[in-house]
Amino acid sequence: MSDIKVASRYAKALLELAVEKGALEDVIKDVRLLLSLASENRELVLMLNSPIINSDKKYKVLETLFGKTANKITMSFFEIVTRKNRANVLVSTAKEFQRQYNLHIGIQVAEITTTVELDDQLRKEVVSIVKEISGLDKVELVEKINPEIIGGFVLKVNDKLLDDSISKKLRDLRLNFAQRYFVKLY
């Protein structure tokens, strides 16, 4: 079974258990902490993915990082996953859990990339566009700045991509000119 399917199933099981036990908010805090640590610490991810390090050591590291603050459900989940030699899917499971959590509570996460920081008026307009696309009332906007797009914006909502950047328009224009030139030569 692919790691994506495993992560999705693990995330679903963890979400259902957390909802059943009334610990959803505690578990999402733990999951967000894991994602934060993984993004800041490459060695943690490498350790979790390593086939050389045994599962007991992996769990001990997780226990050291989370043991005092994490929910019992989260720690039990970590223990089961590492004992089954599936620690390599913990980070992808955490990402999937966060996605399923957002769906569960009705939050649409959207990512907007611009060349400059958005002002409040533009932010409100983007949020209204995302609400229209997704049909959800709550929107979490992740803002990124990338000067390579030259101007405009790139908006990602689920699997939809709205690329209204100047760099894309220039690529399209270059492709259009190349096709016209090629057609006239032959």
N, C-alpha and C. Protein backbone atom coordinates (compact mmCIF):
# COMPACT_ATOMS: atom_id res chain seq x y z
N MET A 1 0.84 -1.17 0.00
CA MET A 1 0.00 0.00 0.00
C MET A 1 0.89 1.24 0.00
N SER A 2 0.50 2.24 -0.77
CA SER A 2 1.32 3.45 -0.87
C SER A 2 1.28 4.23 0.44
N ASP A 3 2.33 5.03 0.65
CA ASP A 3 2.42 5.83 1.86
C ASP A 3 1.29 6.85 1.96
N ILE A 4 0.80 7.33 0.82
CA ILE A 4 -0.28 8.30 0.82
C ILE A 4 -1.57 7.67 1.35
N LYS A 5 -1.84 6.45 0.90
CA LYS A 5 -3.03 5.75 1.38
C LYS A 5 -2.92 5.43 2.86
N VAL A 6 -1.72 5.01 3.27
CA VAL A 6 -1.49 4.69 4.68
C VAL A 6 -1.69 5.94 5.53
N ALA A 7 -1.10 7.05 5.10
CA ALA A 7 -1.22 8.30 5.85
C ALA A 7 -2.68 8.73 5.94
N SER A 8 -3.41 8.59 4.85
CA SER A 8 -4.81 8.98 4.84
C SER A 8 -5.63 8.12 5.81
N ARG A 9 -5.39 6.83 5.80
CA ARG A 9 -6.12 5.94 6.69
C ARG A 9 -5.75 6.17 8.15
N TYR A 10 -4.47 6.36 8.42
CA TYR A 10 -4.04 6.64 9.79
C TYR A 10 -4.65 7.96 10.27
N ALA A 11 -4.64 8.96 9.42
CA ALA A 11 -5.19 10.27 9.80
C ALA A 11 -6.68 10.16 10.09
N LYS A 12 -7.38 9.42 9.27
CA LYS A 12 -8.82 9.24 9.46
C LYS A 12 -9.10 8.53 10.77
N ALA A 13 -8.33 7.48 11.05
CA ALA A 13 -8.52 6.74 12.30
C ALA A 13 -8.23 7.62 13.51
N LEU A 14 -7.15 8.39 13.44
CA LEU A 14 -6.80 9.28 14.54
C LEU A 14 -7.86 10.36 14.73
N LEU A 15 -8.38 10.91 13.65
CA LEU A 15 -9.43 11.93 13.73
C LEU A 15 -10.68 11.35 14.38
N GLU A 16 -11.09 10.18 13.93
CA GLU A 16 -12.30 9.57 14.49
C GLU A 16 -12.14 9.28 15.97
N LEU A 17 -10.97 8.78 16.36
CA LEU A 17 -10.73 8.49 17.78
C LEU A 17 -10.71 9.78 18.60
N ALA A 18 -10.06 10.81 18.09
CA ALA A 18 -9.99 12.08 18.82
C ALA A 18 -11.38 12.70 18.98
N VAL A 19 -12.21 12.60 17.95
CA VAL A 19 -13.58 13.12 18.04
C VAL A 19 -14.37 12.31 19.06
N GLU A 20 -14.23 10.99 18.98
CA GLU A 20 -14.96 10.10 19.89
C GLU A 20 -14.59 10.37 21.35
N LYS A 21 -13.32 10.61 21.62
CA LYS A 21 -12.85 10.83 22.99
C LYS A 21 -12.93 12.29 23.42
N GLY A 22 -13.35 13.18 22.53
CA GLY A 22 -13.48 14.59 22.86
C GLY A 22 -12.14 15.29 23.02
N ALA A 23 -11.13 14.82 22.31
CA ALA A 23 -9.78 15.37 22.45
C ALA A 23 -9.26 15.94 21.14
N LEU A 24 -10.15 16.33 20.27
CA LEU A 24 -9.74 16.77 18.93
C LEU A 24 -8.81 17.99 18.98
N GLU A 25 -9.13 18.96 19.80
CA GLU A 25 -8.31 20.17 19.87
C GLU A 25 -6.92 19.88 20.42
N ASP A 26 -6.82 18.98 21.40
CA ASP A 26 -5.52 18.60 21.95
C ASP A 26 -4.68 17.87 20.91
N VAL A 27 -5.32 16.97 20.18
CA VAL A 27 -4.60 16.18 19.18
C VAL A 27 -4.13 17.08 18.04
N ILE A 28 -4.94 18.03 17.61
CA ILE A 28 -4.51 18.91 16.51
C ILE A 28 -3.34 19.77 16.97
N LYS A 29 -3.30 20.16 18.21
CA LYS A 29 -2.14 20.91 18.73
C LYS A 29 -0.87 20.06 18.63
N ASP A 30 -0.99 18.79 19.01
CA ASP A 30 0.16 17.88 18.94
C ASP A 30 0.61 17.68 17.49
N VAL A 31 -0.35 17.53 16.60
CA VAL A 31 -0.05 17.32 15.18
C VAL A 31 0.64 18.56 14.60
N ARG A 32 0.14 19.73 14.96
CA ARG A 32 0.75 20.96 14.47
C ARG A 32 2.17 21.12 15.02
N LEU A 33 2.37 20.70 16.26
CA LEU A 33 3.71 20.75 16.84
C LEU A 33 4.65 19.81 16.08
N LEU A 34 4.18 18.61 15.75
CA LEU A 34 4.99 17.67 14.97
C LEU A 34 5.35 18.27 13.61
N LEU A 35 4.38 18.88 12.94
CA LEU A 35 4.65 19.49 11.64
C LEU A 35 5.63 20.65 11.76
N SER A 36 5.49 21.43 12.81
CA SER A 36 6.40 22.54 13.03
C SER A 36 7.82 22.03 13.28
N LEU A 37 7.95 21.03 14.13
CA LEU A 37 9.27 20.46 14.41
C LEU A 37 9.88 19.85 13.16
N ALA A 38 9.06 19.17 12.37
CA ALA A 38 9.56 18.54 11.14
C ALA A 38 10.02 19.57 10.13
N SER A 39 9.32 20.70 10.05
CA SER A 39 9.73 21.73 9.08
C SER A 39 10.99 22.46 9.53
N GLU A 40 11.20 22.55 10.83
CA GLU A 40 12.38 23.25 11.35
C GLU A 40 13.59 22.34 11.54
N ASN A 41 13.36 21.03 11.60
CA ASN A 41 14.43 20.11 11.96
C ASN A 41 14.48 18.94 10.98
N ARG A 42 15.31 19.05 10.00
CA ARG A 42 15.45 18.02 8.97
C ARG A 42 15.91 16.69 9.57
N GLU A 43 16.71 16.76 10.63
CA GLU A 43 17.24 15.55 11.26
C GLU A 43 16.11 14.70 11.84
N LEU A 44 15.08 15.35 12.35
CA LEU A 44 13.93 14.60 12.89
C LEU A 44 13.28 13.79 11.78
N VAL A 45 13.06 14.41 10.65
CA VAL A 45 12.43 13.71 9.52
C VAL A 45 13.32 12.58 9.03
N LEU A 46 14.61 12.84 8.93
CA LEU A 46 15.54 11.79 8.50
C LEU A 46 15.54 10.63 9.48
N MET A 47 15.50 10.92 10.76
CA MET A 47 15.47 9.87 11.78
C MET A 47 14.20 9.04 11.65
N LEU A 48 13.05 9.70 11.47
CA LEU A 48 11.79 8.96 11.33
C LEU A 48 11.77 8.09 10.07
N ASN A 49 12.44 8.56 9.02
CA ASN A 49 12.47 7.81 7.76
C ASN A 49 13.56 6.75 7.69
N SER A 50 14.49 6.78 8.62
CA SER A 50 15.65 5.89 8.56
C SER A 50 15.28 4.43 8.83
N PRO A 51 15.67 3.54 7.93
CA PRO A 51 15.44 2.12 8.18
C PRO A 51 16.47 1.53 9.15
N ILE A 52 17.53 2.27 9.41
CA ILE A 52 18.60 1.78 10.29
C ILE A 52 18.24 1.95 11.76
N ILE A 53 17.58 3.04 12.09
CA ILE A 53 17.21 3.31 13.48
C ILE A 53 15.98 2.48 13.82
N ASN A 54 16.07 1.74 14.93
CA ASN A 54 14.95 0.86 15.27
C ASN A 54 13.77 1.64 15.84
N SER A 55 12.63 0.99 15.87
CA SER A 55 11.39 1.65 16.26
C SER A 55 11.40 2.11 17.71
N ASP A 56 12.08 1.36 18.59
CA ASP A 56 12.14 1.77 20.00
C ASP A 56 12.83 3.12 20.14
N LYS A 57 13.92 3.32 19.43
CA LYS A 57 14.65 4.59 19.50
C LYS A 57 13.80 5.73 18.92
N LYS A 58 13.10 5.44 17.84
CA LYS A 58 12.24 6.46 17.24
C LYS A 58 11.15 6.88 18.23
N TYR A 59 10.55 5.91 18.88
CA TYR A 59 9.50 6.24 19.84
C TYR A 59 10.07 7.01 21.03
N LYS A 60 11.26 6.63 21.48
CA LYS A 60 11.88 7.34 22.61
C LYS A 60 12.12 8.82 22.26
N VAL A 61 12.53 9.08 21.02
CA VAL A 61 12.72 10.47 20.59
C VAL A 61 11.37 11.20 20.61
N LEU A 62 10.34 10.56 20.08
CA LEU A 62 9.02 11.18 20.08
C LEU A 62 8.51 11.38 21.51
N GLU A 63 8.77 10.41 22.35
CA GLU A 63 8.35 10.51 23.75
C GLU A 63 9.08 11.66 24.45
N THR A 64 10.35 11.84 24.15
CA THR A 64 11.11 12.94 24.72
C THR A 64 10.56 14.29 24.25
N LEU A 65 10.22 14.37 22.97
CA LEU A 65 9.72 15.62 22.41
C LEU A 65 8.29 15.95 22.87
N PHE A 66 7.45 14.93 22.98
CA PHE A 66 6.02 15.15 23.20
C PHE A 66 5.50 14.63 24.54
N GLY A 67 6.24 13.76 25.21
CA GLY A 67 5.75 13.03 26.37
C GLY A 67 5.09 13.85 27.45
N LYS A 68 5.63 15.00 27.78
CA LYS A 68 5.10 15.79 28.89
C LYS A 68 3.89 16.62 28.51
N THR A 69 3.77 16.99 27.25
CA THR A 69 2.70 17.91 26.86
C THR A 69 1.62 17.26 25.99
N ALA A 70 1.92 16.17 25.32
CA ALA A 70 0.99 15.60 24.34
C ALA A 70 -0.15 14.85 25.01
N ASN A 71 -1.23 14.77 24.29
CA ASN A 71 -2.39 14.01 24.71
C ASN A 71 -2.07 12.51 24.69
N LYS A 72 -2.75 11.76 25.52
CA LYS A 72 -2.53 10.30 25.58
C LYS A 72 -2.85 9.63 24.23
N ILE A 73 -3.86 10.15 23.56
CA ILE A 73 -4.24 9.57 22.26
C ILE A 73 -3.09 9.75 21.26
N THR A 74 -2.51 10.92 21.24
CA THR A 74 -1.40 11.20 20.33
C THR A 74 -0.22 10.29 20.63
N MET A 75 0.12 10.16 21.91
CA MET A 75 1.26 9.32 22.28
C MET A 75 1.00 7.85 21.96
N SER A 76 -0.23 7.40 22.18
CA SER A 76 -0.58 6.01 21.82
C SER A 76 -0.48 5.81 20.32
N PHE A 77 -0.92 6.81 19.58
CA PHE A 77 -0.84 6.74 18.13
C PHE A 77 0.62 6.66 17.68
N PHE A 78 1.47 7.52 18.24
CA PHE A 78 2.90 7.48 17.92
C PHE A 78 3.49 6.12 18.23
N GLU A 79 3.11 5.56 19.36
CA GLU A 79 3.65 4.26 19.77
C GLU A 79 3.24 3.16 18.81
N ILE A 80 1.97 3.14 18.45
CA ILE A 80 1.48 2.09 17.54
C ILE A 80 2.15 2.20 16.17
N VAL A 81 2.22 3.43 15.65
CA VAL A 81 2.79 3.64 14.32
C VAL A 81 4.27 3.27 14.30
N THR A 82 5.02 3.67 15.32
CA THR A 82 6.45 3.33 15.34
C THR A 82 6.66 1.85 15.58
N ARG A 83 5.84 1.24 16.41
CA ARG A 83 5.97 -0.20 16.67
C ARG A 83 5.69 -1.02 15.40
N LYS A 84 4.82 -0.50 14.54
CA LYS A 84 4.51 -1.18 13.27
C LYS A 84 5.52 -0.82 12.17
N ASN A 85 6.62 -0.17 12.55
CA ASN A 85 7.67 0.25 11.60
C ASN A 85 7.13 1.15 10.49
N ARG A 86 6.22 2.06 10.88
CA ARG A 86 5.65 3.00 9.92
C ARG A 86 5.92 4.45 10.32
N ALA A 87 6.97 4.68 11.10
CA ALA A 87 7.30 6.04 11.53
C ALA A 87 7.59 6.94 10.33
N ASN A 88 7.96 6.34 9.22
CA ASN A 88 8.25 7.13 8.02
C ASN A 88 7.01 7.86 7.47
N VAL A 89 5.82 7.47 7.88
CA VAL A 89 4.61 8.14 7.40
C VAL A 89 4.02 9.10 8.43
N LEU A 90 4.71 9.30 9.55
CA LEU A 90 4.16 10.18 10.58
C LEU A 90 3.97 11.62 10.10
N VAL A 91 4.93 12.16 9.40
CA VAL A 91 4.82 13.55 8.94
C VAL A 91 3.71 13.67 7.89
N SER A 92 3.66 12.75 6.94
CA SER A 92 2.60 12.82 5.93
C SER A 92 1.23 12.55 6.56
N THR A 93 1.18 11.71 7.59
CA THR A 93 -0.07 11.49 8.32
C THR A 93 -0.49 12.76 9.04
N ALA A 94 0.47 13.47 9.61
CA ALA A 94 0.16 14.73 10.29
C ALA A 94 -0.41 15.76 9.32
N LYS A 95 0.18 15.85 8.12
CA LYS A 95 -0.34 16.77 7.11
C LYS A 95 -1.76 16.39 6.70
N GLU A 96 -1.97 15.11 6.50
CA GLU A 96 -3.30 14.63 6.11
C GLU A 96 -4.30 14.82 7.25
N PHE A 97 -3.86 14.61 8.48
CA PHE A 97 -4.74 14.82 9.63
C PHE A 97 -5.18 16.28 9.69
N GLN A 98 -4.25 17.19 9.47
CA GLN A 98 -4.58 18.61 9.49
C GLN A 98 -5.58 18.94 8.39
N ARG A 99 -5.41 18.35 7.21
CA ARG A 99 -6.35 18.57 6.11
C ARG A 99 -7.74 18.04 6.48
N GLN A 100 -7.79 16.82 7.04
CA GLN A 100 -9.08 16.24 7.42
C GLN A 100 -9.72 17.00 8.59
N TYR A 101 -8.90 17.49 9.49
CA TYR A 101 -9.41 18.31 10.60
C TYR A 101 -10.09 19.56 10.06
N ASN A 102 -9.44 20.23 9.11
CA ASN A 102 -10.02 21.44 8.52
C ASN A 102 -11.35 21.13 7.84
N LEU A 103 -11.42 20.02 7.13
CA LEU A 103 -12.69 19.62 6.50
C LEU A 103 -13.74 19.33 7.56
N HIS A 104 -13.34 18.66 8.63
CA HIS A 104 -14.25 18.27 9.70
C HIS A 104 -14.90 19.49 10.35
N ILE A 105 -14.12 20.54 10.57
CA ILE A 105 -14.69 21.71 11.23
C ILE A 105 -15.10 22.81 10.23
N GLY A 106 -14.97 22.53 8.95
CA GLY A 106 -15.46 23.44 7.92
C GLY A 106 -14.56 24.62 7.60
N ILE A 107 -13.26 24.41 7.65
CA ILE A 107 -12.31 25.47 7.29
C ILE A 107 -11.71 25.15 5.93
N GLN A 108 -11.73 26.14 5.04
CA GLN A 108 -11.08 25.99 3.75
C GLN A 108 -9.72 26.68 3.80
N VAL A 109 -8.67 25.92 3.56
CA VAL A 109 -7.33 26.49 3.53
C VAL A 109 -7.02 26.85 2.08
N ALA A 110 -6.57 28.08 1.88
CA ALA A 110 -6.19 28.54 0.55
C ALA A 110 -4.81 29.17 0.65
N GLU A 111 -4.06 29.04 -0.42
CA GLU A 111 -2.71 29.60 -0.47
C GLU A 111 -2.64 30.65 -1.56
N ILE A 112 -2.21 31.84 -1.18
CA ILE A 112 -2.06 32.91 -2.17
C ILE A 112 -0.60 33.34 -2.22
N THR A 113 -0.07 33.42 -3.43
CA THR A 113 1.31 33.85 -3.64
C THR A 113 1.27 35.17 -4.41
N THR A 114 1.94 36.17 -3.85
CA THR A 114 2.03 37.47 -4.49
C THR A 114 3.47 37.97 -4.40
N THR A 115 3.72 39.11 -5.01
CA THR A 115 5.07 39.68 -4.92
C THR A 115 5.21 40.60 -3.72
N VAL A 116 4.10 41.08 -3.20
CA VAL A 116 4.12 41.96 -2.03
C VAL A 116 3.08 41.47 -1.03
N GLU A 117 3.18 41.96 0.19
CA GLU A 117 2.22 41.59 1.22
C GLU A 117 0.85 42.17 0.89
N LEU A 118 -0.20 41.39 1.15
CA LEU A 118 -1.56 41.85 0.87
C LEU A 118 -2.00 42.87 1.90
N ASP A 119 -2.76 43.89 1.45
CA ASP A 119 -3.37 44.80 2.41
C ASP A 119 -4.73 44.21 2.81
N ASP A 120 -5.38 44.83 3.77
CA ASP A 120 -6.63 44.27 4.31
C ASP A 120 -7.73 44.17 3.26
N GLN A 121 -7.84 45.16 2.39
CA GLN A 121 -8.88 45.14 1.36
C GLN A 121 -8.68 43.97 0.39
N LEU A 122 -7.46 43.79 -0.09
CA LEU A 122 -7.17 42.67 -0.99
C LEU A 122 -7.40 41.33 -0.31
N ARG A 123 -6.99 41.25 0.97
CA ARG A 123 -7.17 40.02 1.73
C ARG A 123 -8.65 39.66 1.81
N LYS A 124 -9.50 40.65 2.07
CA LYS A 124 -10.95 40.41 2.14
C LYS A 124 -11.49 39.94 0.79
N GLU A 125 -11.01 40.53 -0.29
CA GLU A 125 -11.45 40.12 -1.63
C GLU A 125 -11.04 38.68 -1.93
N VAL A 126 -9.81 38.32 -1.56
CA VAL A 126 -9.34 36.95 -1.79
C VAL A 126 -10.15 35.98 -0.96
N VAL A 127 -10.43 36.32 0.29
CA VAL A 127 -11.22 35.45 1.16
C VAL A 127 -12.62 35.25 0.57
N SER A 128 -13.23 36.31 0.03
CA SER A 128 -14.56 36.16 -0.57
C SER A 128 -14.52 35.28 -1.82
N ILE A 129 -13.44 35.36 -2.59
CA ILE A 129 -13.28 34.49 -3.76
C ILE A 129 -13.16 33.03 -3.32
N VAL A 130 -12.37 32.80 -2.28
CA VAL A 130 -12.19 31.44 -1.77
C VAL A 130 -13.50 30.90 -1.22
N LYS A 131 -14.27 31.73 -0.53
CA LYS A 131 -15.57 31.29 -0.02
C LYS A 131 -16.49 30.90 -1.17
N GLU A 132 -16.45 31.66 -2.25
CA GLU A 132 -17.27 31.38 -3.41
C GLU A 132 -16.85 30.06 -4.07
N ILE A 133 -15.54 29.85 -4.19
CA ILE A 133 -15.03 28.62 -4.82
C ILE A 133 -15.35 27.39 -3.98
N SER A 134 -15.12 27.50 -2.66
CA SER A 134 -15.23 26.32 -1.79
C SER A 134 -16.62 26.09 -1.25
N GLY A 135 -17.40 27.14 -1.10
CA GLY A 135 -18.72 27.00 -0.50
C GLY A 135 -18.67 26.94 1.02
N LEU A 136 -17.50 27.16 1.61
CA LEU A 136 -17.35 27.15 3.07
C LEU A 136 -17.26 28.57 3.59
N ASP A 137 -17.71 28.78 4.82
CA ASP A 137 -17.73 30.13 5.39
C ASP A 137 -16.42 30.51 6.07
N LYS A 138 -15.69 29.52 6.55
CA LYS A 138 -14.43 29.82 7.25
C LYS A 138 -13.27 29.60 6.28
N VAL A 139 -12.38 30.58 6.21
CA VAL A 139 -11.24 30.49 5.30
C VAL A 139 -9.96 30.80 6.07
N GLU A 140 -8.99 29.93 5.91
CA GLU A 140 -7.65 30.18 6.45
C GLU A 140 -6.75 30.47 5.26
N LEU A 141 -6.24 31.68 5.22
CA LEU A 141 -5.44 32.12 4.08
C LEU A 141 -3.96 32.04 4.43
N VAL A 142 -3.22 31.27 3.63
CA VAL A 142 -1.77 31.17 3.79
C VAL A 142 -1.16 32.08 2.73
N GLU A 143 -0.46 33.10 3.21
CA GLU A 143 0.11 34.08 2.30
C GLU A 143 1.59 33.81 2.10
N LYS A 144 2.00 33.80 0.83
CA LYS A 144 3.40 33.62 0.47
C LYS A 144 3.83 34.75 -0.45
N ILE A 145 5.08 35.13 -0.32
CA ILE A 145 5.63 36.17 -1.18
C ILE A 145 6.71 35.55 -2.05
N ASN A 146 6.57 35.73 -3.37
CA ASN A 146 7.53 35.19 -4.33
C ASN A 146 7.75 36.23 -5.43
N PRO A 147 8.90 36.92 -5.42
CA PRO A 147 9.14 37.95 -6.43
C PRO A 147 9.28 37.39 -7.85
N GLU A 148 9.48 36.09 -8.00
CA GLU A 148 9.66 35.49 -9.32
C GLU A 148 8.39 35.52 -10.16
N ILE A 149 7.23 35.71 -9.53
CA ILE A 149 6.00 35.76 -10.34
C ILE A 149 5.81 37.16 -10.95
N ILE A 150 6.71 38.08 -10.65
CA ILE A 150 6.80 39.43 -11.20
C ILE A 150 5.64 40.34 -10.76
N GLY A 151 4.44 39.87 -10.83
CA GLY A 151 3.26 40.64 -10.43
C GLY A 151 2.05 39.75 -10.50
N GLY A 152 0.90 40.25 -10.06
CA GLY A 152 -0.30 39.43 -10.06
C GLY A 152 -0.33 38.51 -8.85
N PHE A 153 -0.97 37.35 -9.03
CA PHE A 153 -1.09 36.41 -7.91
C PHE A 153 -1.29 34.99 -8.43
N VAL A 154 -1.03 34.03 -7.53
CA VAL A 154 -1.33 32.63 -7.78
C VAL A 154 -2.14 32.16 -6.58
N LEU A 155 -3.35 31.67 -6.82
CA LEU A 155 -4.25 31.23 -5.76
C LEU A 155 -4.50 29.74 -5.88
N LYS A 156 -4.24 29.01 -4.79
CA LYS A 156 -4.51 27.57 -4.76
C LYS A 156 -5.62 27.30 -3.74
N VAL A 157 -6.66 26.63 -4.19
CA VAL A 157 -7.76 26.21 -3.33
C VAL A 157 -8.01 24.75 -3.66
N ASN A 158 -7.69 23.89 -2.70
CA ASN A 158 -7.76 22.44 -2.92
C ASN A 158 -6.95 22.08 -4.16
N ASP A 159 -7.60 21.50 -5.15
CA ASP A 159 -6.89 21.11 -6.37
C ASP A 159 -7.07 22.13 -7.50
N LYS A 160 -7.64 23.27 -7.17
CA LYS A 160 -7.83 24.33 -8.17
C LYS A 160 -6.68 25.33 -8.07
N LEU A 161 -6.21 25.79 -9.23
CA LEU A 161 -5.12 26.76 -9.28
C LEU A 161 -5.54 27.89 -10.20
N LEU A 162 -5.53 29.10 -9.65
CA LEU A 162 -5.83 30.29 -10.43
C LEU A 162 -4.53 31.08 -10.52
N ASP A 163 -3.89 31.02 -11.69
CA ASP A 163 -2.60 31.67 -11.88
C ASP A 163 -2.81 32.91 -12.74
N ASP A 164 -2.82 34.06 -12.09
CA ASP A 164 -2.98 35.33 -12.78
C ASP A 164 -1.71 36.16 -12.61
N SER A 165 -0.57 35.46 -12.67
CA SER A 165 0.72 36.14 -12.48
C SER A 165 1.26 36.63 -13.82
N ILE A 166 2.08 37.65 -13.76
CA ILE A 166 2.69 38.20 -14.97
C ILE A 166 3.66 37.18 -15.57
N SER A 167 4.35 36.44 -14.73
CA SER A 167 5.29 35.44 -15.26
C SER A 167 4.55 34.38 -16.09
N LYS A 168 3.34 33.97 -15.68
CA LYS A 168 2.56 33.01 -16.46
C LYS A 168 2.11 33.64 -17.77
N LYS A 169 1.69 34.89 -17.71
CA LYS A 169 1.26 35.57 -18.93
C LYS A 169 2.41 35.69 -19.93
N LEU A 170 3.61 35.96 -19.41
CA LEU A 170 4.78 36.03 -20.28
C LEU A 170 5.11 34.67 -20.88
N ARG A 171 5.01 33.61 -20.08
CA ARG A 171 5.24 32.25 -20.60
C ARG A 171 4.23 31.93 -21.71
N ASP A 172 2.96 32.25 -21.46
CA ASP A 172 1.92 31.99 -22.46
C ASP A 172 2.18 32.78 -23.74
N LEU A 173 2.57 34.02 -23.56
CA LEU A 173 2.87 34.87 -24.72
C LEU A 173 4.04 34.32 -25.52
N ARG A 174 5.10 33.89 -24.81
CA ARG A 174 6.28 33.30 -25.46
C ARG A 174 5.88 32.04 -26.23
N LEU A 175 5.04 31.22 -25.62
CA LEU A 175 4.58 29.99 -26.27
C LEU A 175 3.73 30.32 -27.50
N ASN A 176 2.88 31.31 -27.38
CA ASN A 176 2.04 31.73 -28.49
C ASN A 176 2.88 32.23 -29.66
N PHE A 177 3.88 33.07 -29.37
CA PHE A 177 4.77 33.55 -30.42
C PHE A 177 5.54 32.40 -31.06
N ALA A 178 6.02 31.48 -30.26
CA ALA A 178 6.78 30.34 -30.79
C ALA A 178 5.91 29.49 -31.71
N GLN A 179 4.65 29.29 -31.34
CA GLN A 179 3.75 28.49 -32.18
C GLN A 179 3.45 29.21 -33.50
N ARG A 180 3.24 30.50 -33.44
CA ARG A 180 2.96 31.25 -34.66
C ARG A 180 4.18 31.27 -35.58
N TYR A 181 5.35 31.44 -35.01
CA TYR A 181 6.58 31.45 -35.79
C TYR A 181 6.80 30.09 -36.44
N PHE A 182 6.55 29.02 -35.68
CA PHE A 182 6.73 27.66 -36.18
C PHE A 182 5.76 27.39 -37.33
N VAL A 183 4.52 27.83 -37.21
CA VAL A 183 3.51 27.60 -38.24
C VAL A 183 3.87 28.34 -39.51
N LYS A 184 4.39 29.56 -39.42
CA LYS A 184 4.71 30.34 -40.61
C LYS A 184 5.93 29.79 -41.34
N LEU A 185 6.82 29.12 -40.61
CA LEU A 185 7.99 28.55 -41.27
C LEU A 185 7.62 27.35 -42.14
N TYR A 186 6.58 26.65 -41.79
CA TYR A 186 6.24 25.44 -42.53
C TYR A 186 4.99 25.59 -43.29
